[in-house]
Amino acid sequence: MRYLEIYICLINVVAIIVCIVDKIKAQRKQWRISEKTLFSLAAIGGAFGMYLTMIIIRHKTKHRSFMVALPFMFLVHGTLLLLFLQRNA
């Protein structure tokens, strides 16, 4: 169980950092991190951190795909986590 907690924390920290880096690159008109990469990080567990960061730094908030998909992914992850915890309780 401890490994799951560590994984969730680490993937969210990575998602936050990648989101901030993409915002900085956008401001400097530099090479950007692909949306595929951002969605992939969210899909493997970083949806909460990425969504929270996007709201705070106002990055990609006009992209409907991000504003709908990230909360949905977070809800799915949360549901799966609760089911896992109930099964192992």
N, C-alpha and C. Protein backbone atom coordinates (compact mmCIF):
# COMPACT_ATOMS: atom_id res chain seq x y z
N MET A 1 0.81 -1.19 0.00
CA MET A 1 0.00 0.00 0.00
C MET A 1 0.86 1.26 0.00
N ARG A 2 1.96 1.18 0.71
CA ARG A 2 2.86 2.34 0.80
C ARG A 2 3.39 2.73 -0.58
N TYR A 3 3.65 1.73 -1.43
CA TYR A 3 4.17 2.00 -2.77
C TYR A 3 3.15 2.76 -3.61
N LEU A 4 1.89 2.44 -3.42
CA LEU A 4 0.83 3.13 -4.15
C LEU A 4 0.78 4.61 -3.76
N GLU A 5 0.89 4.88 -2.47
CA GLU A 5 0.90 6.26 -1.98
C GLU A 5 2.09 7.03 -2.55
N ILE A 6 3.25 6.42 -2.55
CA ILE A 6 4.45 7.05 -3.09
C ILE A 6 4.29 7.32 -4.58
N TYR A 7 3.76 6.33 -5.31
CA TYR A 7 3.54 6.50 -6.75
C TYR A 7 2.60 7.67 -7.04
N ILE A 8 1.47 7.72 -6.34
CA ILE A 8 0.50 8.78 -6.56
C ILE A 8 1.13 10.15 -6.30
N CYS A 9 1.87 10.26 -5.23
CA CYS A 9 2.53 11.54 -4.93
C CYS A 9 3.55 11.90 -6.00
N LEU A 10 4.38 10.95 -6.38
CA LEU A 10 5.42 11.24 -7.37
C LEU A 10 4.86 11.58 -8.74
N ILE A 11 3.86 10.86 -9.21
CA ILE A 11 3.31 11.13 -10.53
C ILE A 11 2.62 12.49 -10.55
N ASN A 12 2.02 12.89 -9.45
CA ASN A 12 1.40 14.21 -9.39
C ASN A 12 2.44 15.32 -9.34
N VAL A 13 3.54 15.09 -8.64
CA VAL A 13 4.62 16.08 -8.62
C VAL A 13 5.20 16.23 -10.03
N VAL A 14 5.42 15.12 -10.71
CA VAL A 14 5.93 15.17 -12.09
C VAL A 14 4.95 15.93 -12.99
N ALA A 15 3.65 15.64 -12.86
CA ALA A 15 2.64 16.31 -13.68
C ALA A 15 2.63 17.81 -13.42
N ILE A 16 2.77 18.21 -12.17
CA ILE A 16 2.81 19.63 -11.81
C ILE A 16 4.02 20.30 -12.44
N ILE A 17 5.18 19.68 -12.32
CA ILE A 17 6.40 20.25 -12.88
C ILE A 17 6.30 20.38 -14.40
N VAL A 18 5.82 19.34 -15.06
CA VAL A 18 5.70 19.36 -16.52
C VAL A 18 4.73 20.46 -16.96
N CYS A 19 3.65 20.61 -16.24
CA CYS A 19 2.67 21.65 -16.57
C CYS A 19 3.28 23.05 -16.42
N ILE A 20 4.02 23.26 -15.36
CA ILE A 20 4.68 24.56 -15.14
C ILE A 20 5.73 24.82 -16.22
N VAL A 21 6.51 23.81 -16.56
CA VAL A 21 7.51 23.95 -17.61
C VAL A 21 6.85 24.31 -18.94
N ASP A 22 5.73 23.66 -19.25
CA ASP A 22 5.03 23.97 -20.50
C ASP A 22 4.52 25.40 -20.50
N LYS A 23 4.03 25.88 -19.37
CA LYS A 23 3.57 27.27 -19.26
C LYS A 23 4.72 28.24 -19.50
N ILE A 24 5.86 27.97 -18.90
CA ILE A 24 7.04 28.84 -19.07
C ILE A 24 7.48 28.84 -20.54
N LYS A 25 7.50 27.67 -21.15
CA LYS A 25 7.89 27.57 -22.56
C LYS A 25 6.89 28.31 -23.45
N ALA A 26 5.62 28.26 -23.11
CA ALA A 26 4.61 28.98 -23.88
C ALA A 26 4.84 30.49 -23.79
N GLN A 27 5.16 30.97 -22.60
CA GLN A 27 5.40 32.40 -22.42
C GLN A 27 6.64 32.87 -23.18
N ARG A 28 7.62 32.00 -23.29
CA ARG A 28 8.87 32.34 -23.99
C ARG A 28 8.85 31.99 -25.47
N LYS A 29 7.68 31.47 -25.92
CA LYS A 29 7.51 31.05 -27.32
C LYS A 29 8.57 30.04 -27.75
N GLN A 30 8.81 29.07 -26.88
CA GLN A 30 9.77 28.00 -27.13
C GLN A 30 9.05 26.71 -27.48
N TRP A 31 9.83 25.68 -27.76
CA TRP A 31 9.30 24.34 -28.02
C TRP A 31 8.42 23.94 -26.85
N ARG A 32 7.27 23.33 -27.15
CA ARG A 32 6.28 23.01 -26.12
C ARG A 32 6.20 21.51 -25.87
N ILE A 33 5.69 21.18 -24.73
CA ILE A 33 5.41 19.79 -24.38
C ILE A 33 4.09 19.42 -25.06
N SER A 34 4.07 18.29 -25.72
CA SER A 34 2.89 17.92 -26.50
C SER A 34 1.69 17.64 -25.59
N GLU A 35 0.51 17.88 -26.16
CA GLU A 35 -0.72 17.60 -25.42
C GLU A 35 -0.83 16.11 -25.15
N LYS A 36 -0.30 15.30 -26.04
CA LYS A 36 -0.31 13.84 -25.85
C LYS A 36 0.46 13.48 -24.58
N THR A 37 1.60 14.12 -24.36
CA THR A 37 2.39 13.87 -23.16
C THR A 37 1.65 14.33 -21.92
N LEU A 38 1.02 15.50 -21.99
CA LEU A 38 0.28 16.01 -20.84
C LEU A 38 -0.89 15.08 -20.48
N PHE A 39 -1.63 14.65 -21.50
CA PHE A 39 -2.74 13.73 -21.25
C PHE A 39 -2.24 12.38 -20.74
N SER A 40 -1.11 11.93 -21.23
CA SER A 40 -0.56 10.65 -20.77
C SER A 40 -0.20 10.71 -19.29
N LEU A 41 0.43 11.80 -18.88
CA LEU A 41 0.77 11.97 -17.46
C LEU A 41 -0.49 11.99 -16.60
N ALA A 42 -1.50 12.67 -17.09
CA ALA A 42 -2.77 12.72 -16.36
C ALA A 42 -3.39 11.33 -16.27
N ALA A 43 -3.34 10.59 -17.36
CA ALA A 43 -3.98 9.27 -17.42
C ALA A 43 -3.32 8.26 -16.50
N ILE A 44 -2.04 8.39 -16.27
CA ILE A 44 -1.35 7.41 -15.41
C ILE A 44 -1.33 7.83 -13.95
N GLY A 45 -2.14 8.84 -13.60
CA GLY A 45 -2.29 9.18 -12.19
C GLY A 45 -2.05 10.62 -11.83
N GLY A 46 -1.62 11.45 -12.76
CA GLY A 46 -1.30 12.84 -12.44
C GLY A 46 -2.40 13.83 -12.72
N ALA A 47 -3.63 13.36 -12.91
CA ALA A 47 -4.73 14.25 -13.30
C ALA A 47 -5.02 15.32 -12.24
N PHE A 48 -5.03 14.93 -10.98
CA PHE A 48 -5.35 15.89 -9.93
C PHE A 48 -4.33 17.02 -9.87
N GLY A 49 -3.05 16.66 -9.80
CA GLY A 49 -2.00 17.67 -9.73
C GLY A 49 -1.97 18.56 -10.95
N MET A 50 -2.15 17.98 -12.12
CA MET A 50 -2.13 18.76 -13.35
C MET A 50 -3.32 19.71 -13.41
N TYR A 51 -4.51 19.22 -13.07
CA TYR A 51 -5.70 20.07 -13.11
C TYR A 51 -5.57 21.23 -12.13
N LEU A 52 -5.15 20.94 -10.92
CA LEU A 52 -4.98 21.98 -9.91
C LEU A 52 -3.95 23.02 -10.36
N THR A 53 -2.85 22.56 -10.93
CA THR A 53 -1.81 23.47 -11.42
C THR A 53 -2.33 24.33 -12.58
N MET A 54 -3.07 23.72 -13.50
CA MET A 54 -3.60 24.48 -14.63
C MET A 54 -4.54 25.59 -14.16
N ILE A 55 -5.33 25.31 -13.14
CA ILE A 55 -6.23 26.33 -12.59
C ILE A 55 -5.42 27.44 -11.93
N ILE A 56 -4.43 27.07 -11.12
CA ILE A 56 -3.65 28.06 -10.37
C ILE A 56 -2.83 28.95 -11.30
N ILE A 57 -2.15 28.36 -12.29
CA ILE A 57 -1.29 29.17 -13.16
C ILE A 57 -1.99 29.60 -14.45
N ARG A 58 -3.27 29.26 -14.57
CA ARG A 58 -4.09 29.61 -15.74
C ARG A 58 -3.44 29.15 -17.04
N HIS A 59 -3.19 27.87 -17.10
CA HIS A 59 -2.56 27.29 -18.29
C HIS A 59 -3.51 26.27 -18.91
N LYS A 60 -3.82 26.45 -20.17
CA LYS A 60 -4.70 25.57 -20.94
C LYS A 60 -6.13 25.56 -20.43
N THR A 61 -6.53 26.58 -19.69
CA THR A 61 -7.88 26.63 -19.15
C THR A 61 -8.92 26.93 -20.23
N LYS A 62 -8.50 27.39 -21.38
CA LYS A 62 -9.43 27.63 -22.49
C LYS A 62 -9.58 26.40 -23.38
N HIS A 63 -8.80 25.37 -23.10
CA HIS A 63 -8.87 24.12 -23.86
C HIS A 63 -9.91 23.23 -23.19
N ARG A 64 -11.05 23.12 -23.83
CA ARG A 64 -12.14 22.35 -23.25
C ARG A 64 -11.74 20.90 -22.99
N SER A 65 -10.91 20.36 -23.86
CA SER A 65 -10.51 18.97 -23.69
C SER A 65 -9.80 18.75 -22.35
N PHE A 66 -8.98 19.70 -21.95
CA PHE A 66 -8.28 19.58 -20.67
C PHE A 66 -9.23 19.82 -19.50
N MET A 67 -10.10 20.80 -19.63
CA MET A 67 -10.97 21.17 -18.53
C MET A 67 -12.07 20.14 -18.28
N VAL A 68 -12.33 19.27 -19.24
CA VAL A 68 -13.31 18.20 -19.06
C VAL A 68 -12.60 16.88 -18.72
N ALA A 69 -11.56 16.57 -19.47
CA ALA A 69 -10.90 15.27 -19.31
C ALA A 69 -10.17 15.12 -17.98
N LEU A 70 -9.50 16.17 -17.53
CA LEU A 70 -8.70 16.03 -16.29
C LEU A 70 -9.57 15.78 -15.06
N PRO A 71 -10.66 16.54 -14.84
CA PRO A 71 -11.50 16.20 -13.69
C PRO A 71 -12.12 14.80 -13.83
N PHE A 72 -12.49 14.41 -15.05
CA PHE A 72 -13.04 13.08 -15.27
C PHE A 72 -12.01 12.01 -14.90
N MET A 73 -10.77 12.19 -15.36
CA MET A 73 -9.72 11.21 -15.03
C MET A 73 -9.50 11.14 -13.53
N PHE A 74 -9.52 12.29 -12.87
CA PHE A 74 -9.34 12.30 -11.42
C PHE A 74 -10.45 11.54 -10.72
N LEU A 75 -11.69 11.72 -11.17
CA LEU A 75 -12.81 10.98 -10.58
C LEU A 75 -12.66 9.47 -10.80
N VAL A 76 -12.24 9.09 -11.98
CA VAL A 76 -12.02 7.67 -12.27
C VAL A 76 -10.91 7.12 -11.37
N HIS A 77 -9.81 7.86 -11.26
CA HIS A 77 -8.70 7.41 -10.40
C HIS A 77 -9.16 7.29 -8.95
N GLY A 78 -9.91 8.28 -8.47
CA GLY A 78 -10.40 8.26 -7.10
C GLY A 78 -11.32 7.07 -6.85
N THR A 79 -12.20 6.81 -7.80
CA THR A 79 -13.12 5.67 -7.68
C THR A 79 -12.35 4.35 -7.63
N LEU A 80 -11.39 4.21 -8.53
CA LEU A 80 -10.57 2.98 -8.54
C LEU A 80 -9.79 2.82 -7.24
N LEU A 81 -9.28 3.92 -6.73
CA LEU A 81 -8.53 3.87 -5.47
C LEU A 81 -9.44 3.45 -4.32
N LEU A 82 -10.64 4.01 -4.26
CA LEU A 82 -11.58 3.63 -3.20
C LEU A 82 -11.96 2.16 -3.30
N LEU A 83 -12.21 1.69 -4.50
CA LEU A 83 -12.53 0.26 -4.68
C LEU A 83 -11.36 -0.62 -4.24
N PHE A 84 -10.15 -0.20 -4.58
CA PHE A 84 -8.96 -0.95 -4.18
C PHE A 84 -8.83 -0.99 -2.65
N LEU A 85 -9.05 0.15 -2.02
CA LEU A 85 -8.93 0.22 -0.57
C LEU A 85 -9.99 -0.62 0.12
N GLN A 86 -11.23 -0.59 -0.40
CA GLN A 86 -12.29 -1.40 0.19
C GLN A 86 -12.00 -2.89 0.06
N ARG A 87 -11.48 -3.25 -1.07
CA ARG A 87 -11.19 -4.67 -1.30
C ARG A 87 -10.07 -5.18 -0.39
N ASN A 88 -9.11 -4.30 -0.11
CA ASN A 88 -7.96 -4.71 0.70
C ASN A 88 -8.11 -4.37 2.18
N ALA A 89 -9.28 -3.90 2.58
CA ALA A 89 -9.49 -3.54 4.00
C ALA A 89 -9.76 -4.75 4.86
